PDB file of N, CA and C in Angstrom:
ATOM      1  N   MET A   1      63.283 -23.816  35.956  1.00  0.00           N
ATOM      2  CA  MET A   1      64.059 -22.673  35.563  1.00  0.00           C
ATOM      3  C   MET A   1      65.189 -23.138  34.615  1.00  0.00           C
ATOM      4  N   GLU A   2      65.390 -22.404  33.569  1.00  0.00           N
ATOM      5  CA  GLU A   2      66.416 -22.734  32.592  1.00  0.00           C
ATOM      6  C   GLU A   2      67.503 -21.638  32.598  1.00  0.00           C
ATOM      7  N   ILE A   3      68.728 -22.067  32.563  1.00  0.00           N
ATOM      8  CA  ILE A   3      69.847 -21.110  32.488  1.00  0.00           C
ATOM      9  C   ILE A   3      70.419 -21.184  31.101  1.00  0.00           C
ATOM     10  N   GLU A   4      70.530 -20.024  30.432  1.00  0.00           N
ATOM     11  CA  GLU A   4      71.034 -19.958  29.064  1.00  0.00           C
ATOM     12  C   GLU A   4      72.225 -19.031  28.956  1.00  0.00           C
ATOM     13  N   PHE A   5      73.215 -19.460  28.180  1.00  0.00           N
ATOM     14  CA  PHE A   5      74.347 -18.625  27.829  1.00  0.00           C
ATOM     15  C   PHE A   5      74.193 -18.294  26.353  1.00  0.00           C
ATOM     16  N   VAL A   6      74.139 -16.989  26.039  1.00  0.00           N
ATOM     17  CA  VAL A   6      73.876 -16.569  24.662  1.00  0.00           C
ATOM     18  C   VAL A   6      75.055 -15.790  24.109  1.00  0.00           C
ATOM     19  N   GLY A   7      75.613 -16.265  22.989  1.00  0.00           N
ATOM     20  CA  GLY A   7      76.607 -15.506  22.258  1.00  0.00           C
ATOM     21  C   GLY A   7      78.032 -15.777  22.603  1.00  0.00           C
ATOM     22  N   PHE A   8      78.333 -16.758  23.406  1.00  0.00           N
ATOM     23  CA  PHE A   8      79.727 -16.990  23.824  1.00  0.00           C
ATOM     24  C   PHE A   8      80.402 -18.060  22.957  1.00  0.00           C
ATOM     25  N   LYS A   9      80.418 -17.874  21.688  1.00  0.00           N
ATOM     26  CA  LYS A   9      80.961 -18.869  20.739  1.00  0.00           C
ATOM     27  C   LYS A   9      82.454 -19.083  21.023  1.00  0.00           C
ATOM     28  N   GLY A  10      82.807 -20.316  21.263  1.00  0.00           N
ATOM     29  CA  GLY A  10      84.228 -20.641  21.458  1.00  0.00           C
ATOM     30  C   GLY A  10      84.809 -20.239  22.781  1.00  0.00           C
ATOM     31  N   LEU A  11      84.023 -19.690  23.675  1.00  0.00           N
ATOM     32  CA  LEU A  11      84.522 -19.268  24.964  1.00  0.00           C
ATOM     33  C   LEU A  11      84.114 -20.253  26.066  1.00  0.00           C
ATOM     34  N   PRO A  12      84.953 -20.451  27.056  1.00  0.00           N
ATOM     35  CA  PRO A  12      84.715 -21.492  28.073  1.00  0.00           C
ATOM     36  C   PRO A  12      83.772 -21.099  29.210  1.00  0.00           C
ATOM     37  N   ILE A  13      82.997 -20.036  29.037  1.00  0.00           N
ATOM     38  CA  ILE A  13      82.163 -19.564  30.151  1.00  0.00           C
ATOM     39  C   ILE A  13      81.125 -20.609  30.574  1.00  0.00           C
ATOM     40  N   GLU A  14      80.717 -21.485  29.650  1.00  0.00           N
ATOM     41  CA  GLU A  14      79.745 -22.495  30.023  1.00  0.00           C
ATOM     42  C   GLU A  14      80.238 -23.448  31.070  1.00  0.00           C
ATOM     43  N   GLN A  15      81.564 -23.462  31.327  1.00  0.00           N
ATOM     44  CA  GLN A  15      82.099 -24.295  32.406  1.00  0.00           C
ATOM     45  C   GLN A  15      81.539 -23.850  33.738  1.00  0.00           C
ATOM     46  N   LEU A  16      81.027 -22.687  33.816  1.00  0.00           N
ATOM     47  CA  LEU A  16      80.484 -22.148  35.060  1.00  0.00           C
ATOM     48  C   LEU A  16      79.016 -22.448  35.249  1.00  0.00           C
ATOM     49  N   LYS A  17      78.414 -23.114  34.277  1.00  0.00           N
ATOM     50  CA  LYS A  17      76.934 -23.395  34.368  1.00  0.00           C
ATOM     51  C   LYS A  17      76.633 -24.288  35.585  1.00  0.00           C
ATOM     52  N   GLU A  18      77.410 -25.325  35.766  1.00  0.00           N
ATOM     53  CA  GLU A  18      77.123 -26.218  36.923  1.00  0.00           C
ATOM     54  C   GLU A  18      77.284 -25.515  38.261  1.00  0.00           C
ATOM     55  N   PRO A  19      78.406 -24.755  38.472  1.00  0.00           N
ATOM     56  CA  PRO A  19      78.501 -24.029  39.730  1.00  0.00           C
ATOM     57  C   PRO A  19      77.377 -23.008  39.910  1.00  0.00           C
ATOM     58  N   PHE A  20      76.919 -22.412  38.786  1.00  0.00           N
ATOM     59  CA  PHE A  20      75.832 -21.444  38.875  1.00  0.00           C
ATOM     60  C   PHE A  20      74.527 -22.137  39.223  1.00  0.00           C
ATOM     61  N   ASP A  21      74.280 -23.288  38.644  1.00  0.00           N
ATOM     62  CA  ASP A  21      73.114 -24.094  38.974  1.00  0.00           C
ATOM     63  C   ASP A  21      73.122 -24.384  40.501  1.00  0.00           C
ATOM     64  N   ASP A  22      74.264 -24.781  41.010  1.00  0.00           N
ATOM     65  CA  ASP A  22      74.397 -25.112  42.433  1.00  0.00           C
ATOM     66  C   ASP A  22      74.120 -23.857  43.305  1.00  0.00           C
ATOM     67  N   LEU A  23      74.678 -22.736  42.893  1.00  0.00           N
ATOM     68  CA  LEU A  23      74.424 -21.491  43.645  1.00  0.00           C
ATOM     69  C   LEU A  23      72.924 -21.134  43.632  1.00  0.00           C
ATOM     70  N   MET A  24      72.295 -21.241  42.477  1.00  0.00           N
ATOM     71  CA  MET A  24      70.859 -20.909  42.409  1.00  0.00           C
ATOM     72  C   MET A  24      70.034 -21.874  43.261  1.00  0.00           C
ATOM     73  N   SER A  25      70.395 -23.131  43.291  1.00  0.00           N
ATOM     74  CA  SER A  25      69.666 -24.096  44.125  1.00  0.00           C
ATOM     75  C   SER A  25      69.780 -23.731  45.587  1.00  0.00           C
ATOM     76  N   GLN A  26      70.977 -23.294  45.998  1.00  0.00           N
ATOM     77  CA  GLN A  26      71.136 -22.884  47.397  1.00  0.00           C
ATOM     78  C   GLN A  26      70.325 -21.623  47.713  1.00  0.00           C
ATOM     79  N   LEU A  27      70.358 -20.655  46.793  1.00  0.00           N
ATOM     80  CA  LEU A  27      69.635 -19.406  47.028  1.00  0.00           C
ATOM     81  C   LEU A  27      68.134 -19.621  46.984  1.00  0.00           C
ATOM     82  N   ALA A  28      67.656 -20.591  46.247  1.00  0.00           N
ATOM     83  CA  ALA A  28      66.233 -20.792  46.056  1.00  0.00           C
ATOM     84  C   ALA A  28      65.595 -21.543  47.198  1.00  0.00           C
ATOM     85  N   GLN A  29      66.396 -22.175  48.048  1.00  0.00           N
ATOM     86  CA  GLN A  29      65.820 -22.972  49.127  1.00  0.00           C
ATOM     87  C   GLN A  29      64.900 -22.091  49.986  1.00  0.00           C
ATOM     88  N   GLY A  30      63.671 -22.529  50.113  1.00  0.00           N
ATOM     89  CA  GLY A  30      62.716 -21.803  50.942  1.00  0.00           C
ATOM     90  C   GLY A  30      62.046 -20.621  50.256  1.00  0.00           C
ATOM     91  N   LEU A  31      62.392 -20.343  49.012  1.00  0.00           N
ATOM     92  CA  LEU A  31      61.782 -19.259  48.268  1.00  0.00           C
ATOM     93  C   LEU A  31      60.738 -19.754  47.291  1.00  0.00           C
ATOM     94  N   GLU A  32      59.733 -18.975  47.053  1.00  0.00           N
ATOM     95  CA  GLU A  32      58.721 -19.305  46.044  1.00  0.00           C
ATOM     96  C   GLU A  32      59.118 -18.591  44.768  1.00  0.00           C
ATOM     97  N   ILE A  33      59.739 -19.361  43.879  1.00  0.00           N
ATOM     98  CA  ILE A  33      60.225 -18.757  42.599  1.00  0.00           C
ATOM     99  C   ILE A  33      59.703 -19.514  41.403  1.00  0.00           C
ATOM    100  N   THR A  34      58.483 -20.038  41.494  1.00  0.00           N
ATOM    101  CA  THR A  34      57.936 -20.800  40.363  1.00  0.00           C
ATOM    102  C   THR A  34      57.733 -19.924  39.135  1.00  0.00           C
ATOM    103  N   SER A  35      57.613 -18.635  39.330  1.00  0.00           N
ATOM    104  CA  SER A  35      57.422 -17.722  38.177  1.00  0.00           C
ATOM    105  C   SER A  35      58.730 -17.481  37.413  1.00  0.00           C
ATOM    106  N   LEU A  36      59.857 -17.792  38.021  1.00  0.00           N
ATOM    107  CA  LEU A  36      61.156 -17.589  37.365  1.00  0.00           C
ATOM    108  C   LEU A  36      61.368 -18.673  36.343  1.00  0.00           C
ATOM    109  N   LYS A  37      61.348 -18.321  35.081  1.00  0.00           N
ATOM    110  CA  LYS A  37      61.452 -19.281  34.004  1.00  0.00           C
ATOM    111  C   LYS A  37      62.845 -19.390  33.391  1.00  0.00           C
ATOM    112  N   ASN A  38      63.560 -18.254  33.349  1.00  0.00           N
ATOM    113  CA  ASN A  38      64.865 -18.215  32.676  1.00  0.00           C
ATOM    114  C   ASN A  38      65.803 -17.292  33.404  1.00  0.00           C
ATOM    115  N   ILE A  39      67.068 -17.668  33.346  1.00  0.00           N
ATOM    116  CA  ILE A  39      68.157 -16.752  33.688  1.00  0.00           C
ATOM    117  C   ILE A  39      69.044 -16.801  32.451  1.00  0.00           C
ATOM    118  N   ILE A  40      69.252 -15.614  31.862  1.00  0.00           N
ATOM    119  CA  ILE A  40      70.014 -15.532  30.594  1.00  0.00           C
ATOM    120  C   ILE A  40      71.262 -14.688  30.832  1.00  0.00           C
ATOM    121  N   ILE A  41      72.404 -15.268  30.571  1.00  0.00           N
ATOM    122  CA  ILE A  41      73.675 -14.581  30.629  1.00  0.00           C
ATOM    123  C   ILE A  41      74.091 -14.353  29.173  1.00  0.00           C
ATOM    124  N   ALA A  42      74.143 -13.087  28.770  1.00  0.00           N
ATOM    125  CA  ALA A  42      74.373 -12.767  27.370  1.00  0.00           C
ATOM    126  C   ALA A  42      75.672 -12.000  27.144  1.00  0.00           C
ATOM    127  N   GLU A  43      76.380 -12.418  26.115  1.00  0.00           N
ATOM    128  CA  GLU A  43      77.609 -11.715  25.766  1.00  0.00           C
ATOM    129  C   GLU A  43      77.233 -10.290  25.333  1.00  0.00           C
ATOM    130  N   ASP A  44      76.200 -10.134  24.551  1.00  0.00           N
ATOM    131  CA  ASP A  44      75.692  -8.810  24.134  1.00  0.00           C
ATOM    132  C   ASP A  44      74.396  -8.540  24.899  1.00  0.00           C
ATOM    133  N   PHE A  45      74.570  -8.123  26.149  1.00  0.00           N
ATOM    134  CA  PHE A  45      73.467  -7.956  27.077  1.00  0.00           C
ATOM    135  C   PHE A  45      72.297  -7.177  26.516  1.00  0.00           C
ATOM    136  N   LYS A  46      72.581  -5.985  26.048  1.00  0.00           N
ATOM    137  CA  LYS A  46      71.507  -5.066  25.568  1.00  0.00           C
ATOM    138  C   LYS A  46      70.775  -5.640  24.366  1.00  0.00           C
ATOM    139  N   THR A  47      71.490  -6.171  23.401  1.00  0.00           N
ATOM    140  CA  THR A  47      70.867  -6.707  22.191  1.00  0.00           C
ATOM    141  C   THR A  47      69.941  -7.876  22.537  1.00  0.00           C
ATOM    142  N   GLU A  48      70.437  -8.808  23.367  1.00  0.00           N
ATOM    143  CA  GLU A  48      69.600  -9.991  23.714  1.00  0.00           C
ATOM    144  C   GLU A  48      68.433  -9.591  24.585  1.00  0.00           C
ATOM    145  N   LEU A  49      68.637  -8.637  25.488  1.00  0.00           N
ATOM    146  CA  LEU A  49      67.529  -8.156  26.317  1.00  0.00           C
ATOM    147  C   LEU A  49      66.438  -7.532  25.452  1.00  0.00           C
ATOM    148  N   PHE A  50      66.805  -6.689  24.527  1.00  0.00           N
ATOM    149  CA  PHE A  50      65.836  -6.025  23.662  1.00  0.00           C
ATOM    150  C   PHE A  50      65.127  -7.032  22.765  1.00  0.00           C
ATOM    151  N   LYS A  51      65.862  -8.038  22.251  1.00  0.00           N
ATOM    152  CA  LYS A  51      65.206  -9.065  21.450  1.00  0.00           C
ATOM    153  C   LYS A  51      64.123  -9.791  22.284  1.00  0.00           C
ATOM    154  N   PHE A  52      64.477 -10.122  23.513  1.00  0.00           N
ATOM    155  CA  PHE A  52      63.547 -10.834  24.390  1.00  0.00           C
ATOM    156  C   PHE A  52      62.298  -9.944  24.709  1.00  0.00           C
ATOM    157  N   GLN A  53      62.579  -8.689  25.101  1.00  0.00           N
ATOM    158  CA  GLN A  53      61.463  -7.777  25.390  1.00  0.00           C
ATOM    159  C   GLN A  53      60.531  -7.657  24.181  1.00  0.00           C
ATOM    160  N   LYS A  54      61.118  -7.506  23.012  1.00  0.00           N
ATOM    161  CA  LYS A  54      60.315  -7.358  21.810  1.00  0.00           C
ATOM    162  C   LYS A  54      59.479  -8.606  21.538  1.00  0.00           C
ATOM    163  N   SER A  55      60.067  -9.792  21.768  1.00  0.00           N
ATOM    164  CA  SER A  55      59.368 -11.049  21.540  1.00  0.00           C
ATOM    165  C   SER A  55      58.143 -11.231  22.466  1.00  0.00           C
ATOM    166  N   LYS A  56      58.183 -10.528  23.573  1.00  0.00           N
ATOM    167  CA  LYS A  56      57.106 -10.623  24.564  1.00  0.00           C
ATOM    168  C   LYS A  56      56.148  -9.452  24.465  1.00  0.00           C
ATOM    169  N   GLY A  57      56.375  -8.577  23.478  1.00  0.00           N
ATOM    170  CA  GLY A  57      55.514  -7.402  23.281  1.00  0.00           C
ATOM    171  C   GLY A  57      55.726  -6.330  24.316  1.00  0.00           C
ATOM    172  N   LEU A  58      56.926  -6.273  24.893  1.00  0.00           N
ATOM    173  CA  LEU A  58      57.243  -5.288  25.921  1.00  0.00           C
ATOM    174  C   LEU A  58      58.061  -4.146  25.335  1.00  0.00           C
ATOM    175  N   ARG A  59      58.095  -3.056  26.054  1.00  0.00           N
ATOM    176  CA  ARG A  59      58.914  -1.914  25.684  1.00  0.00           C
ATOM    177  C   ARG A  59      60.374  -2.285  25.831  1.00  0.00           C
ATOM    178  N   GLU A  60      61.182  -1.988  24.841  1.00  0.00           N
ATOM    179  CA  GLU A  60      62.625  -2.276  24.887  1.00  0.00           C
ATOM    180  C   GLU A  60      63.296  -1.201  25.712  1.00  0.00           C
ATOM    181  N   GLU A  61      63.805  -1.617  26.873  1.00  0.00           N
ATOM    182  CA  GLU A  61      64.425  -0.638  27.750  1.00  0.00           C
ATOM    183  C   GLU A  61      65.430  -1.288  28.695  1.00  0.00           C
ATOM    184  N   CYS A  62      66.426  -0.523  29.051  1.00  0.00           N
ATOM    185  CA  CYS A  62      67.370  -0.859  30.157  1.00  0.00           C
ATOM    186  C   CYS A  62      68.105   0.427  30.528  1.00  0.00           C
ATOM    187  N   THR A  63      68.685   0.431  31.707  1.00  0.00           N
ATOM    188  CA  THR A  63      69.439   1.589  32.137  1.00  0.00           C
ATOM    189  C   THR A  63      70.721   1.700  31.314  1.00  0.00           C
ATOM    190  N   GLU A  64      70.934   2.897  30.777  1.00  0.00           N
ATOM    191  CA  GLU A  64      72.176   3.161  30.020  1.00  0.00           C
ATOM    192  C   GLU A  64      72.408   4.652  30.124  1.00  0.00           C
ATOM    193  N   ASN A  65      73.588   4.989  30.646  1.00  0.00           N
ATOM    194  CA  ASN A  65      73.965   6.390  30.779  1.00  0.00           C
ATOM    195  C   ASN A  65      75.491   6.528  30.657  1.00  0.00           C
ATOM    196  N   GLU A  66      76.009   7.681  31.102  1.00  0.00           N
ATOM    197  CA  GLU A  66      77.434   7.941  30.930  1.00  0.00           C
ATOM    198  C   GLU A  66      78.280   6.997  31.780  1.00  0.00           C
ATOM    199  N   VAL A  67      77.714   6.327  32.772  1.00  0.00           N
ATOM    200  CA  VAL A  67      78.459   5.395  33.603  1.00  0.00           C
ATOM    201  C   VAL A  67      78.541   4.017  32.901  1.00  0.00           C
ATOM    202  N   GLY A  68      77.541   3.656  32.136  1.00  0.00           N
ATOM    203  CA  GLY A  68      77.549   2.404  31.462  1.00  0.00           C
ATOM    204  C   GLY A  68      76.149   1.831  31.293  1.00  0.00           C
ATOM    205  N   VAL A  69      76.099   0.541  30.989  1.00  0.00           N
ATOM    206  CA  VAL A  69      74.838  -0.202  30.794  1.00  0.00           C
ATOM    207  C   VAL A  69      74.526  -1.011  32.031  1.00  0.00           C
ATOM    208  N   ALA A  70      73.266  -1.246  32.282  1.00  0.00           N
ATOM    209  CA  ALA A  70      72.826  -2.031  33.421  1.00  0.00           C
ATOM    210  C   ALA A  70      73.586  -3.353  33.509  1.00  0.00           C
ATOM    211  N   GLY A  71      73.759  -3.840  34.738  1.00  0.00           N
ATOM    212  CA  GLY A  71      74.421  -5.096  34.966  1.00  0.00           C
ATOM    213  C   GLY A  71      73.452  -6.282  34.948  1.00  0.00           C
ATOM    214  N   GLY A  72      72.182  -5.970  35.061  1.00  0.00           N
ATOM    215  CA  GLY A  72      71.172  -7.016  35.062  1.00  0.00           C
ATOM    216  C   GLY A  72      69.792  -6.397  34.907  1.00  0.00           C
ATOM    217  N   LYS A  73      68.828  -7.226  34.625  1.00  0.00           N
ATOM    218  CA  LYS A  73      67.449  -6.736  34.440  1.00  0.00           C
ATOM    219  C   LYS A  73      66.525  -7.887  34.679  1.00  0.00           C
ATOM    220  N   VAL A  74      65.471  -7.626  35.477  1.00  0.00           N
ATOM    221  CA  VAL A  74      64.376  -8.561  35.706  1.00  0.00           C
ATOM    222  C   VAL A  74      63.251  -8.149  34.751  1.00  0.00           C
ATOM    223  N   VAL A  75      62.829  -9.089  33.938  1.00  0.00           N
ATOM    224  CA  VAL A  75      61.720  -8.827  32.995  1.00  0.00           C
ATOM    225  C   VAL A  75      60.524  -9.677  33.411  1.00  0.00           C
ATOM    226  N   SER A  76      59.436  -9.006  33.770  1.00  0.00           N
ATOM    227  CA  SER A  76      58.185  -9.684  34.154  1.00  0.00           C
ATOM    228  C   SER A  76      57.205  -9.534  33.010  1.00  0.00           C
ATOM    229  N   TYR A  77      56.467 -10.619  32.734  1.00  0.00           N
ATOM    230  CA  TYR A  77      55.491 -10.590  31.653  1.00  0.00           C
ATOM    231  C   TYR A  77      54.466 -11.686  31.920  1.00  0.00           C
ATOM    232  N   PHE A  78      53.342 -11.607  31.211  1.00  0.00           N
ATOM    233  CA  PHE A  78      52.323 -12.640  31.332  1.00  0.00           C
ATOM    234  C   PHE A  78      52.335 -13.516  30.088  1.00  0.00           C
ATOM    235  N   GLN A  79      52.311 -14.795  30.330  1.00  0.00           N
ATOM    236  CA  GLN A  79      52.259 -15.834  29.266  1.00  0.00           C
ATOM    237  C   GLN A  79      51.079 -16.742  29.593  1.00  0.00           C
ATOM    238  N   ASN A  80      50.086 -16.777  28.690  1.00  0.00           N
ATOM    239  CA  ASN A  80      48.929 -17.591  28.926  1.00  0.00           C
ATOM    240  C   ASN A  80      48.257 -17.309  30.251  1.00  0.00           C
ATOM    241  N   GLY A  81      48.235 -16.026  30.624  1.00  0.00           N
ATOM    242  CA  GLY A  81      47.572 -15.588  31.863  1.00  0.00           C
ATOM    243  C   GLY A  81      48.355 -15.821  33.106  1.00  0.00           C
ATOM    244  N   GLU A  82      49.551 -16.339  33.003  1.00  0.00           N
ATOM    245  CA  GLU A  82      50.413 -16.581  34.163  1.00  0.00           C
ATOM    246  C   GLU A  82      51.634 -15.639  34.154  1.00  0.00           C
ATOM    247  N   LEU A  83      51.980 -15.152  35.362  1.00  0.00           N
ATOM    248  CA  LEU A  83      53.158 -14.331  35.496  1.00  0.00           C
ATOM    249  C   LEU A  83      54.406 -15.167  35.276  1.00  0.00           C
ATOM    250  N   GLU A  84      55.304 -14.680  34.422  1.00  0.00           N
ATOM    251  CA  GLU A  84      56.591 -15.319  34.215  1.00  0.00           C
ATOM    252  C   GLU A  84      57.667 -14.259  34.326  1.00  0.00           C
ATOM    253  N   ILE A  85      58.844 -14.726  34.795  1.00  0.00           N
ATOM    254  CA  ILE A  85      59.965 -13.809  35.032  1.00  0.00           C
ATOM    255  C   ILE A  85      61.199 -14.370  34.394  1.00  0.00           C
ATOM    256  N   CYS A  86      61.955 -13.475  33.787  1.00  0.00           N
ATOM    257  CA  CYS A  86      63.248 -13.821  33.202  1.00  0.00           C
ATOM    258  C   CYS A  86      64.288 -12.825  33.739  1.00  0.00           C
ATOM    259  N   ILE A  87      65.405 -13.356  34.182  1.00  0.00           N
ATOM    260  CA  ILE A  87      66.496 -12.491  34.677  1.00  0.00           C
ATOM    261  C   ILE A  87      67.589 -12.476  33.649  1.00  0.00           C
ATOM    262  N   PHE A  88      68.007 -11.304  33.222  1.00  0.00           N
ATOM    263  CA  PHE A  88      69.164 -11.148  32.354  1.00  0.00           C
ATOM    264  C   PHE A  88      70.349 -10.649  33.195  1.00  0.00           C
ATOM    265  N   LEU A  89      71.494 -11.246  32.992  1.00  0.00           N
ATOM    266  CA  LEU A  89      72.726 -10.820  33.645  1.00  0.00           C
ATOM    267  C   LEU A  89      73.773 -10.477  32.624  1.00  0.00           C
ATOM    268  N   HIS A  90      74.423  -9.323  32.840  1.00  0.00           N
ATOM    269  CA  HIS A  90      75.559  -8.928  32.018  1.00  0.00           C
ATOM    270  C   HIS A  90      76.672  -9.900  32.348  1.00  0.00           C
ATOM    271  N   GLN A  91      77.462 -10.275  31.377  1.00  0.00           N
ATOM    272  CA  GLN A  91      78.552 -11.222  31.581  1.00  0.00           C
ATOM    273  C   GLN A  91      79.515 -10.816  32.701  1.00  0.00           C
ATOM    274  N   ALA A  92      79.775  -9.521  32.835  1.00  0.00           N
ATOM    275  CA  ALA A  92      80.699  -9.040  33.879  1.00  0.00           C
ATOM    276  C   ALA A  92      80.118  -9.302  35.272  1.00  0.00           C
ATOM    277  N   VAL A  93      78.835  -9.073  35.439  1.00  0.00           N
ATOM    278  CA  VAL A  93      78.186  -9.328  36.714  1.00  0.00           C
ATOM    279  C   VAL A  93      78.178 -10.801  37.027  1.00  0.00           C
ATOM    280  N   PHE A  94      77.861 -11.604  36.045  1.00  0.00           N
ATOM    281  CA  PHE A  94      77.916 -13.060  36.211  1.00  0.00           C
ATOM    282  C   PHE A  94      79.296 -13.498  36.670  1.00  0.00           C
ATOM    283  N   GLY A  95      80.322 -12.949  36.041  1.00  0.00           N
ATOM    284  CA  GLY A  95      81.711 -13.293  36.418  1.00  0.00           C
ATOM    285  C   GLY A  95      82.046 -12.962  37.858  1.00  0.00           C
ATOM    286  N   LEU A  96      81.483 -11.870  38.367  1.00  0.00           N
ATOM    287  CA  LEU A  96      81.761 -11.497  39.759  1.00  0.00           C
ATOM    288  C   LEU A  96      81.240 -12.544  40.750  1.00  0.00           C
ATOM    289  N   LEU A  97      80.219 -13.292  40.370  1.00  0.00           N
ATOM    290  CA  LEU A  97      79.659 -14.321  41.243  1.00  0.00           C
ATOM    291  C   LEU A  97      80.664 -15.438  41.487  1.00  0.00           C
ATOM    292  N   PHE A  98      81.630 -15.603  40.597  1.00  0.00           N
ATOM    293  CA  PHE A  98      82.570 -16.690  40.675  1.00  0.00           C
ATOM    294  C   PHE A  98      84.000 -16.203  40.606  1.00  0.00           C
ATOM    295  N   SER A  99      84.283 -15.096  41.269  1.00  0.00           N
ATOM    296  CA  SER A  99      85.595 -14.476  41.115  1.00  0.00           C
ATOM    297  C   SER A  99      86.753 -15.425  41.452  1.00  0.00           C
ATOM    298  N   GLU A 100      86.576 -16.322  42.430  1.00  0.00           N
ATOM    299  CA  GLU A 100      87.646 -17.251  42.759  1.00  0.00           C
ATOM    300  C   GLU A 100      87.717 -18.405  41.754  1.00  0.00           C
ATOM    301  N   LYS A 101      86.574 -18.961  41.365  1.00  0.00           N
ATOM    302  CA  LYS A 101      86.534 -20.134  40.498  1.00  0.00           C
ATOM    303  C   LYS A 101      86.728 -19.809  39.025  1.00  0.00           C
ATOM    304  N   SER A 102      86.491 -18.585  38.669  1.00  0.00           N
ATOM    305  CA  SER A 102      86.398 -18.282  37.240  1.00  0.00           C
ATOM    306  C   SER A 102      87.472 -17.337  36.700  1.00  0.00           C
ATOM    307  N   GLU A 103      88.473 -17.043  37.484  1.00  0.00           N
ATOM    308  CA  GLU A 103      89.456 -16.043  37.039  1.00  0.00           C
ATOM    309  C   GLU A 103      90.031 -16.353  35.655  1.00  0.00           C
ATOM    310  N   ASP A 104      90.451 -17.591  35.428  1.00  0.00           N
ATOM    311  CA  ASP A 104      91.019 -17.944  34.131  1.00  0.00           C
ATOM    312  C   ASP A 104      89.974 -17.869  33.031  1.00  0.00           C
ATOM    313  N   VAL A 105      88.757 -18.355  33.310  1.00  0.00           N
ATOM    314  CA  VAL A 105      87.671 -18.329  32.320  1.00  0.00           C
ATOM    315  C   VAL A 105      87.376 -16.916  31.915  1.00  0.00           C
ATOM    316  N   LEU A 106      87.197 -16.029  32.905  1.00  0.00           N
ATOM    317  CA  LEU A 106      86.819 -14.674  32.613  1.00  0.00           C
ATOM    318  C   LEU A 106      87.928 -13.873  31.933  1.00  0.00           C
ATOM    319  N   ASN A 107      89.166 -14.212  32.169  1.00  0.00           N
ATOM    320  CA  ASN A 107      90.265 -13.536  31.498  1.00  0.00           C
ATOM    321  C   ASN A 107      90.235 -13.817  29.989  1.00  0.00           C
ATOM    322  N   GLY A 108      89.576 -14.891  29.601  1.00  0.00           N
ATOM    323  CA  GLY A 108      89.456 -15.201  28.138  1.00  0.00           C
ATOM    324  C   GLY A 108      88.333 -14.501  27.485  1.00  0.00           C
ATOM    325  N   ILE A 109      87.497 -13.783  28.261  1.00  0.00           N
ATOM    326  CA  ILE A 109      86.315 -13.121  27.666  1.00  0.00           C
ATOM    327  C   ILE A 109      86.702 -11.704  27.286  1.00  0.00           C
TER     328      ILE A 109
END
């Protein structure tokens, strides 16, 4: 599984990559998640999600209404006959995972 930060030029959010890796390792213990290929945290959630969906030949979609845009999205697709999964997280949702450790980092976003 690869964790990617997209679009955070000059911002210190990547300092949270190691704690996020640790969290994911703890959560994954005992789970079968071999299909999970990527977790993408994007500054421009909707744009990056749509680019990814388009690159996989999928319909470009996410929840968006008067309340706001989705905080995350699981995208399932087949690559070479195998199920693959990519999780997109909105930067605000990602920040909530580390509210104690990331207060200063997130204030800069």
